[in-house]
Amino acid sequence: MQPDGKVVVSGEYTAYNGTARARIARLQANGSLDPSFNPGTGFGPGPTGALALQADGKVLVGGFSMRSMEALGMT
């Protein structure tokens, strides 16, 4: 949870309440989507596996992507 009560969530979804959000979104304290948080194209293909909030408010995301595997010649 961020100091302002907002929560960054990740998972295997491509939309939140009908709004495109590729595997990552930020929710207001009341559970509604925070429109000021725009993750662009999001993440994938593949799940996000970890979220961390830095002291400066930046969000770090870790996970697995087939694109990474392909780039390393591992597929």
PDB file of N, CA and C in Angstrom:
ATOM      1  N   MET A   1       0.844  -1.174   0.000  1.00  0.00           N
ATOM      2  CA  MET A   1       0.000   0.000   0.000  1.00  0.00           C
ATOM      3  C   MET A   1       0.892   1.240   0.000  1.00  0.00           C
ATOM      4  N   GLN A   2       0.506   2.214  -0.794  1.00  0.00           N
ATOM      5  CA  GLN A   2       1.244   3.458  -0.859  1.00  0.00           C
ATOM      6  C   GLN A   2       0.789   4.382   0.270  1.00  0.00           C
ATOM      7  N   PRO A   3       1.614   5.359   0.637  1.00  0.00           N
ATOM      8  CA  PRO A   3       1.268   6.238   1.756  1.00  0.00           C
ATOM      9  C   PRO A   3      -0.089   6.940   1.601  1.00  0.00           C
ATOM     10  N   ASP A   4      -0.527   7.161   0.354  1.00  0.00           N
ATOM     11  CA  ASP A   4      -1.803   7.842   0.121  1.00  0.00           C
ATOM     12  C   ASP A   4      -3.003   6.895   0.153  1.00  0.00           C
ATOM     13  N   GLY A   5      -2.751   5.620   0.509  1.00  0.00           N
ATOM     14  CA  GLY A   5      -3.821   4.642   0.604  1.00  0.00           C
ATOM     15  C   GLY A   5      -4.115   3.902  -0.689  1.00  0.00           C
ATOM     16  N   LYS A   6      -3.424   4.269  -1.777  1.00  0.00           N
ATOM     17  CA  LYS A   6      -3.620   3.577  -3.055  1.00  0.00           C
ATOM     18  C   LYS A   6      -2.835   2.272  -3.046  1.00  0.00           C
ATOM     19  N   VAL A   7      -3.317   1.301  -3.841  1.00  0.00           N
ATOM     20  CA  VAL A   7      -2.712  -0.024  -3.864  1.00  0.00           C
ATOM     21  C   VAL A   7      -2.372  -0.401  -5.303  1.00  0.00           C
ATOM     22  N   VAL A   8      -1.138  -0.824  -5.542  1.00  0.00           N
ATOM     23  CA  VAL A   8      -0.733  -1.330  -6.850  1.00  0.00           C
ATOM     24  C   VAL A   8      -0.964  -2.830  -6.844  1.00  0.00           C
ATOM     25  N   VAL A   9      -1.660  -3.325  -7.876  1.00  0.00           N
ATOM     26  CA  VAL A   9      -1.985  -4.745  -7.972  1.00  0.00           C
ATOM     27  C   VAL A   9      -1.495  -5.285  -9.305  1.00  0.00           C
ATOM     28  N   SER A  10      -1.166  -6.559  -9.317  1.00  0.00           N
ATOM     29  CA  SER A  10      -0.761  -7.194 -10.572  1.00  0.00           C
ATOM     30  C   SER A  10      -1.342  -8.593 -10.629  1.00  0.00           C
ATOM     31  N   GLY A  11      -1.422  -9.126 -11.842  1.00  0.00           N
ATOM     32  CA  GLY A  11      -1.967 -10.459 -12.015  1.00  0.00           C
ATOM     33  C   GLY A  11      -2.087 -10.808 -13.482  1.00  0.00           C
ATOM     34  N   GLU A  12      -2.900 -11.803 -13.765  1.00  0.00           N
ATOM     35  CA  GLU A  12      -3.083 -12.316 -15.132  1.00  0.00           C
ATOM     36  C   GLU A  12      -4.287 -11.683 -15.814  1.00  0.00           C
ATOM     37  N   TYR A  13      -4.472 -10.405 -15.721  1.00  0.00           N
ATOM     38  CA  TYR A  13      -5.631  -9.748 -16.317  1.00  0.00           C
ATOM     39  C   TYR A  13      -5.189  -8.751 -17.385  1.00  0.00           C
ATOM     40  N   THR A  14      -6.115  -8.393 -18.263  1.00  0.00           N
ATOM     41  CA  THR A  14      -5.830  -7.403 -19.304  1.00  0.00           C
ATOM     42  C   THR A  14      -6.732  -6.179 -19.199  1.00  0.00           C
ATOM     43  N   ALA A  15      -7.663  -6.210 -18.250  1.00  0.00           N
ATOM     44  CA  ALA A  15      -8.543  -5.064 -18.026  1.00  0.00           C
ATOM     45  C   ALA A  15      -9.019  -5.073 -16.582  1.00  0.00           C
ATOM     46  N   TYR A  16      -9.345  -3.893 -16.079  1.00  0.00           N
ATOM     47  CA  TYR A  16      -9.927  -3.749 -14.748  1.00  0.00           C
ATOM     48  C   TYR A  16     -11.212  -2.946 -14.903  1.00  0.00           C
ATOM     49  N   ASN A  17     -12.327  -3.557 -14.592  1.00  0.00           N
ATOM     50  CA  ASN A  17     -13.646  -2.917 -14.760  1.00  0.00           C
ATOM     51  C   ASN A  17     -13.812  -2.326 -16.152  1.00  0.00           C
ATOM     52  N   GLY A  18     -13.352  -3.050 -17.161  1.00  0.00           N
ATOM     53  CA  GLY A  18     -13.536  -2.626 -18.541  1.00  0.00           C
ATOM     54  C   GLY A  18     -12.483  -1.680 -19.089  1.00  0.00           C
ATOM     55  N   THR A  19     -11.526  -1.255 -18.260  1.00  0.00           N
ATOM     56  CA  THR A  19     -10.450  -0.372 -18.707  1.00  0.00           C
ATOM     57  C   THR A  19      -9.192  -1.200 -18.915  1.00  0.00           C
ATOM     58  N   ALA A  20      -8.576  -1.061 -20.074  1.00  0.00           N
ATOM     59  CA  ALA A  20      -7.375  -1.837 -20.388  1.00  0.00           C
ATOM     60  C   ALA A  20      -6.262  -1.556 -19.377  1.00  0.00           C
ATOM     61  N   ARG A  21      -5.782  -2.624 -18.785  1.00  0.00           N
ATOM     62  CA  ARG A  21      -4.646  -2.573 -17.861  1.00  0.00           C
ATOM     63  C   ARG A  21      -3.966  -3.927 -17.958  1.00  0.00           C
ATOM     64  N   ALA A  22      -2.863  -3.986 -18.663  1.00  0.00           N
ATOM     65  CA  ALA A  22      -2.177  -5.253 -18.922  1.00  0.00           C
ATOM     66  C   ALA A  22      -1.336  -5.697 -17.731  1.00  0.00           C
ATOM     67  N   ARG A  23      -1.969  -6.411 -16.836  1.00  0.00           N
ATOM     68  CA  ARG A  23      -1.330  -7.095 -15.718  1.00  0.00           C
ATOM     69  C   ARG A  23      -0.858  -6.206 -14.571  1.00  0.00           C
ATOM     70  N   ILE A  24      -1.110  -4.909 -14.642  1.00  0.00           N
ATOM     71  CA  ILE A  24      -0.769  -4.036 -13.514  1.00  0.00           C
ATOM     72  C   ILE A  24      -1.714  -2.837 -13.496  1.00  0.00           C
ATOM     73  N   ALA A  25      -2.152  -2.465 -12.288  1.00  0.00           N
ATOM     74  CA  ALA A  25      -3.049  -1.331 -12.118  1.00  0.00           C
ATOM     75  C   ALA A  25      -2.847  -0.757 -10.718  1.00  0.00           C
ATOM     76  N   ARG A  26      -3.320   0.453 -10.532  1.00  0.00           N
ATOM     77  CA  ARG A  26      -3.323   1.036  -9.187  1.00  0.00           C
ATOM     78  C   ARG A  26      -4.769   1.381  -8.850  1.00  0.00           C
ATOM     79  N   LEU A  27      -5.154   1.026  -7.640  1.00  0.00           N
ATOM     80  CA  LEU A  27      -6.520   1.238  -7.184  1.00  0.00           C
ATOM     81  C   LEU A  27      -6.560   2.323  -6.123  1.00  0.00           C
ATOM     82  N   GLN A  28      -7.652   3.078  -6.136  1.00  0.00           N
ATOM     83  CA  GLN A  28      -7.912   4.056  -5.084  1.00  0.00           C
ATOM     84  C   GLN A  28      -8.225   3.294  -3.801  1.00  0.00           C
ATOM     85  N   ALA A  29      -8.248   3.974  -2.699  1.00  0.00           N
ATOM     86  CA  ALA A  29      -8.555   3.338  -1.419  1.00  0.00           C
ATOM     87  C   ALA A  29      -9.936   2.680  -1.426  1.00  0.00           C
ATOM     88  N   ASN A  30     -10.850   3.165  -2.272  1.00  0.00           N
ATOM     89  CA  ASN A  30     -12.203   2.589  -2.332  1.00  0.00           C
ATOM     90  C   ASN A  30     -12.311   1.433  -3.331  1.00  0.00           C
ATOM     91  N   GLY A  31     -11.197   1.041  -3.964  1.00  0.00           N
ATOM     92  CA  GLY A  31     -11.184  -0.080  -4.895  1.00  0.00           C
ATOM     93  C   GLY A  31     -11.394   0.294  -6.350  1.00  0.00           C
ATOM     94  N   SER A  32     -11.683   1.567  -6.630  1.00  0.00           N
ATOM     95  CA  SER A  32     -11.848   1.988  -8.019  1.00  0.00           C
ATOM     96  C   SER A  32     -10.481   2.191  -8.670  1.00  0.00           C
ATOM     97  N   LEU A  33     -10.443   2.085  -9.981  1.00  0.00           N
ATOM     98  CA  LEU A  33      -9.207   2.245 -10.739  1.00  0.00           C
ATOM     99  C   LEU A  33      -8.712   3.678 -10.620  1.00  0.00           C
ATOM    100  N   ASP A  34      -7.418   3.840 -10.408  1.00  0.00           N
ATOM    101  CA  ASP A  34      -6.799   5.166 -10.359  1.00  0.00           C
ATOM    102  C   ASP A  34      -6.415   5.559 -11.783  1.00  0.00           C
ATOM    103  N   PRO A  35      -7.146   6.471 -12.422  1.00  0.00           N
ATOM    104  CA  PRO A  35      -6.858   6.821 -13.809  1.00  0.00           C
ATOM    105  C   PRO A  35      -5.551   7.593 -13.983  1.00  0.00           C
ATOM    106  N   SER A  36      -4.977   8.117 -12.911  1.00  0.00           N
ATOM    107  CA  SER A  36      -3.720   8.858 -13.033  1.00  0.00           C
ATOM    108  C   SER A  36      -2.511   7.933 -13.152  1.00  0.00           C
ATOM    109  N   PHE A  37      -2.705   6.649 -12.893  1.00  0.00           N
ATOM    110  CA  PHE A  37      -1.624   5.660 -13.019  1.00  0.00           C
ATOM    111  C   PHE A  37      -1.806   4.964 -14.362  1.00  0.00           C
ATOM    112  N   ASN A  38      -0.945   5.292 -15.318  1.00  0.00           N
ATOM    113  CA  ASN A  38      -1.042   4.701 -16.645  1.00  0.00           C
ATOM    114  C   ASN A  38       0.182   3.841 -16.903  1.00  0.00           C
ATOM    115  N   PRO A  39       0.024   2.516 -16.869  1.00  0.00           N
ATOM    116  CA  PRO A  39       1.178   1.637 -17.071  1.00  0.00           C
ATOM    117  C   PRO A  39       1.546   1.437 -18.542  1.00  0.00           C
ATOM    118  N   GLY A  40       0.973   2.213 -19.436  1.00  0.00           N
ATOM    119  CA  GLY A  40       1.268   2.057 -20.858  1.00  0.00           C
ATOM    120  C   GLY A  40       0.775   0.712 -21.352  1.00  0.00           C
ATOM    121  N   THR A  41       1.646  -0.040 -22.010  1.00  0.00           N
ATOM    122  CA  THR A  41       1.245  -1.351 -22.528  1.00  0.00           C
ATOM    123  C   THR A  41       1.290  -2.419 -21.455  1.00  0.00           C
ATOM    124  N   GLY A  42       1.728  -2.073 -20.257  1.00  0.00           N
ATOM    125  CA  GLY A  42       1.754  -3.038 -19.160  1.00  0.00           C
ATOM    126  C   GLY A  42       2.872  -4.042 -19.306  1.00  0.00           C
ATOM    127  N   PHE A  43       2.592  -5.281 -18.955  1.00  0.00           N
ATOM    128  CA  PHE A  43       3.593  -6.330 -18.937  1.00  0.00           C
ATOM    129  C   PHE A  43       3.088  -7.558 -19.658  1.00  0.00           C
ATOM    130  N   GLY A  44       3.999  -8.368 -20.115  1.00  0.00           N
ATOM    131  CA  GLY A  44       3.599  -9.640 -20.692  1.00  0.00           C
ATOM    132  C   GLY A  44       4.223  -9.865 -22.049  1.00  0.00           C
ATOM    133  N   PRO A  45       3.969 -10.960 -22.670  1.00  0.00           N
ATOM    134  CA  PRO A  45       3.100 -11.982 -22.108  1.00  0.00           C
ATOM    135  C   PRO A  45       3.776 -12.683 -20.937  1.00  0.00           C
ATOM    136  N   GLY A  46       3.016 -13.049 -19.992  1.00  0.00           N
ATOM    137  CA  GLY A  46       3.537 -13.716 -18.809  1.00  0.00           C
ATOM    138  C   GLY A  46       3.155 -12.958 -17.563  1.00  0.00           C
ATOM    139  N   PRO A  47       3.137 -13.642 -16.444  1.00  0.00           N
ATOM    140  CA  PRO A  47       2.685 -13.031 -15.193  1.00  0.00           C
ATOM    141  C   PRO A  47       3.730 -12.146 -14.542  1.00  0.00           C
ATOM    142  N   THR A  48       3.257 -11.184 -13.786  1.00  0.00           N
ATOM    143  CA  THR A  48       4.140 -10.453 -12.898  1.00  0.00           C
ATOM    144  C   THR A  48       4.271 -11.294 -11.638  1.00  0.00           C
ATOM    145  N   GLY A  49       5.428 -11.289 -11.046  1.00  0.00           N
ATOM    146  CA  GLY A  49       5.654 -12.152  -9.896  1.00  0.00           C
ATOM    147  C   GLY A  49       5.962 -11.423  -8.610  1.00  0.00           C
ATOM    148  N   ALA A  50       6.339 -10.144  -8.724  1.00  0.00           N
ATOM    149  CA  ALA A  50       6.718  -9.412  -7.527  1.00  0.00           C
ATOM    150  C   ALA A  50       6.471  -7.921  -7.727  1.00  0.00           C
ATOM    151  N   LEU A  51       6.062  -7.259  -6.684  1.00  0.00           N
ATOM    152  CA  LEU A  51       5.901  -5.812  -6.667  1.00  0.00           C
ATOM    153  C   LEU A  51       6.632  -5.276  -5.450  1.00  0.00           C
ATOM    154  N   ALA A  52       7.286  -4.137  -5.610  1.00  0.00           N
ATOM    155  CA  ALA A  52       7.937  -3.484  -4.477  1.00  0.00           C
ATOM    156  C   ALA A  52       7.790  -1.981  -4.639  1.00  0.00           C
ATOM    157  N   LEU A  53       7.610  -1.289  -3.537  1.00  0.00           N
ATOM    158  CA  LEU A  53       7.486   0.156  -3.538  1.00  0.00           C
ATOM    159  C   LEU A  53       8.754   0.753  -2.938  1.00  0.00           C
ATOM    160  N   GLN A  54       9.435   1.597  -3.718  1.00  0.00           N
ATOM    161  CA  GLN A  54      10.635   2.263  -3.220  1.00  0.00           C
ATOM    162  C   GLN A  54      10.245   3.449  -2.343  1.00  0.00           C
ATOM    163  N   ALA A  55      11.177   3.922  -1.543  1.00  0.00           N
ATOM    164  CA  ALA A  55      10.926   5.055  -0.662  1.00  0.00           C
ATOM    165  C   ALA A  55      10.540   6.315  -1.438  1.00  0.00           C
ATOM    166  N   ASP A  56      11.020   6.435  -2.685  1.00  0.00           N
ATOM    167  CA  ASP A  56      10.700   7.614  -3.495  1.00  0.00           C
ATOM    168  C   ASP A  56       9.363   7.483  -4.219  1.00  0.00           C
ATOM    169  N   GLY A  57       8.631   6.392  -3.978  1.00  0.00           N
ATOM    170  CA  GLY A  57       7.320   6.191  -4.562  1.00  0.00           C
ATOM    171  C   GLY A  57       7.303   5.414  -5.856  1.00  0.00           C
ATOM    172  N   LYS A  58       8.461   5.113  -6.410  1.00  0.00           N
ATOM    173  CA  LYS A  58       8.518   4.337  -7.645  1.00  0.00           C
ATOM    174  C   LYS A  58       8.163   2.884  -7.365  1.00  0.00           C
ATOM    175  N   VAL A  59       7.506   2.262  -8.358  1.00  0.00           N
ATOM    176  CA  VAL A  59       7.075   0.879  -8.232  1.00  0.00           C
ATOM    177  C   VAL A  59       8.012  -0.009  -9.043  1.00  0.00           C
ATOM    178  N   LEU A  60       8.538  -1.046  -8.422  1.00  0.00           N
ATOM    179  CA  LEU A  60       9.372  -2.025  -9.107  1.00  0.00           C
ATOM    180  C   LEU A  60       8.535  -3.273  -9.352  1.00  0.00           C
ATOM    181  N   VAL A  61       8.631  -3.817 -10.562  1.00  0.00           N
ATOM    182  CA  VAL A  61       7.853  -4.991 -10.936  1.00  0.00           C
ATOM    183  C   VAL A  61       8.792  -6.053 -11.473  1.00  0.00           C
ATOM    184  N   GLY A  62       8.611  -7.272 -11.013  1.00  0.00           N
ATOM    185  CA  GLY A  62       9.391  -8.399 -11.516  1.00  0.00           C
ATOM    186  C   GLY A  62       8.457  -9.481 -11.995  1.00  0.00           C
ATOM    187  N   GLY A  63       8.948 -10.311 -12.900  1.00  0.00           N
ATOM    188  CA  GLY A  63       8.104 -11.382 -13.387  1.00  0.00           C
ATOM    189  C   GLY A  63       8.797 -12.206 -14.445  1.00  0.00           C
ATOM    190  N   PHE A  64       8.002 -12.909 -15.214  1.00  0.00           N
ATOM    191  CA  PHE A  64       8.482 -13.830 -16.228  1.00  0.00           C
ATOM    192  C   PHE A  64       7.870 -13.440 -17.560  1.00  0.00           C
ATOM    193  N   SER A  65       8.668 -13.431 -18.605  1.00  0.00           N
ATOM    194  CA  SER A  65       8.155 -13.096 -19.924  1.00  0.00           C
ATOM    195  C   SER A  65       8.752 -14.021 -20.971  1.00  0.00           C
ATOM    196  N   MET A  66       7.922 -14.518 -21.852  1.00  0.00           N
ATOM    197  CA  MET A  66       8.423 -15.335 -22.957  1.00  0.00           C
ATOM    198  C   MET A  66       9.346 -14.523 -23.846  1.00  0.00           C
ATOM    199  N   ARG A  67       9.133 -13.218 -23.928  1.00  0.00           N
ATOM    200  CA  ARG A  67      10.018 -12.370 -24.734  1.00  0.00           C
ATOM    201  C   ARG A  67      11.436 -12.433 -24.200  1.00  0.00           C
ATOM    202  N   SER A  68      11.587 -12.441 -22.878  1.00  0.00           N
ATOM    203  CA  SER A  68      12.920 -12.552 -22.279  1.00  0.00           C
ATOM    204  C   SER A  68      13.550 -13.889 -22.628  1.00  0.00           C
ATOM    205  N   MET A  69      12.761 -14.939 -22.559  1.00  0.00           N
ATOM    206  CA  MET A  69      13.269 -16.269 -22.884  1.00  0.00           C
ATOM    207  C   MET A  69      13.698 -16.336 -24.341  1.00  0.00           C
ATOM    208  N   GLU A  70      12.899 -15.760 -25.243  1.00  0.00           N
ATOM    209  CA  GLU A  70      13.232 -15.764 -26.656  1.00  0.00           C
ATOM    210  C   GLU A  70      14.507 -14.977 -26.911  1.00  0.00           C
ATOM    211  N   ALA A  71      14.655 -13.842 -26.257  1.00  0.00           N
ATOM    212  CA  ALA A  71      15.836 -13.004 -26.443  1.00  0.00           C
ATOM    213  C   ALA A  71      17.113 -13.744 -26.025  1.00  0.00           C
ATOM    214  N   LEU A  72      16.991 -14.610 -25.048  1.00  0.00           N
ATOM    215  CA  LEU A  72      18.143 -15.384 -24.571  1.00  0.00           C
ATOM    216  C   LEU A  72      18.326 -16.697 -25.315  1.00  0.00           C
ATOM    217  N   GLY A  73      17.467 -16.951 -26.284  1.00  0.00           N
ATOM    218  CA  GLY A  73      17.550 -18.196 -27.057  1.00  0.00           C
ATOM    219  C   GLY A  73      17.156 -19.411 -26.249  1.00  0.00           C
ATOM    220  N   MET A  74      16.245 -19.236 -25.294  1.00  0.00           N
ATOM    221  CA  MET A  74      15.881 -20.326 -24.394  1.00  0.00           C
ATOM    222  C   MET A  74      14.546 -20.969 -24.725  1.00  0.00           C
ATOM    223  N   THR A  75      13.971 -20.666 -25.884  1.00  0.00           N
ATOM    224  CA  THR A  75      12.680 -21.287 -26.223  1.00  0.00           C
ATOM    225  C   THR A  75      12.845 -22.297 -27.329  1.00  0.00           C
TER     226      THR A  75
END
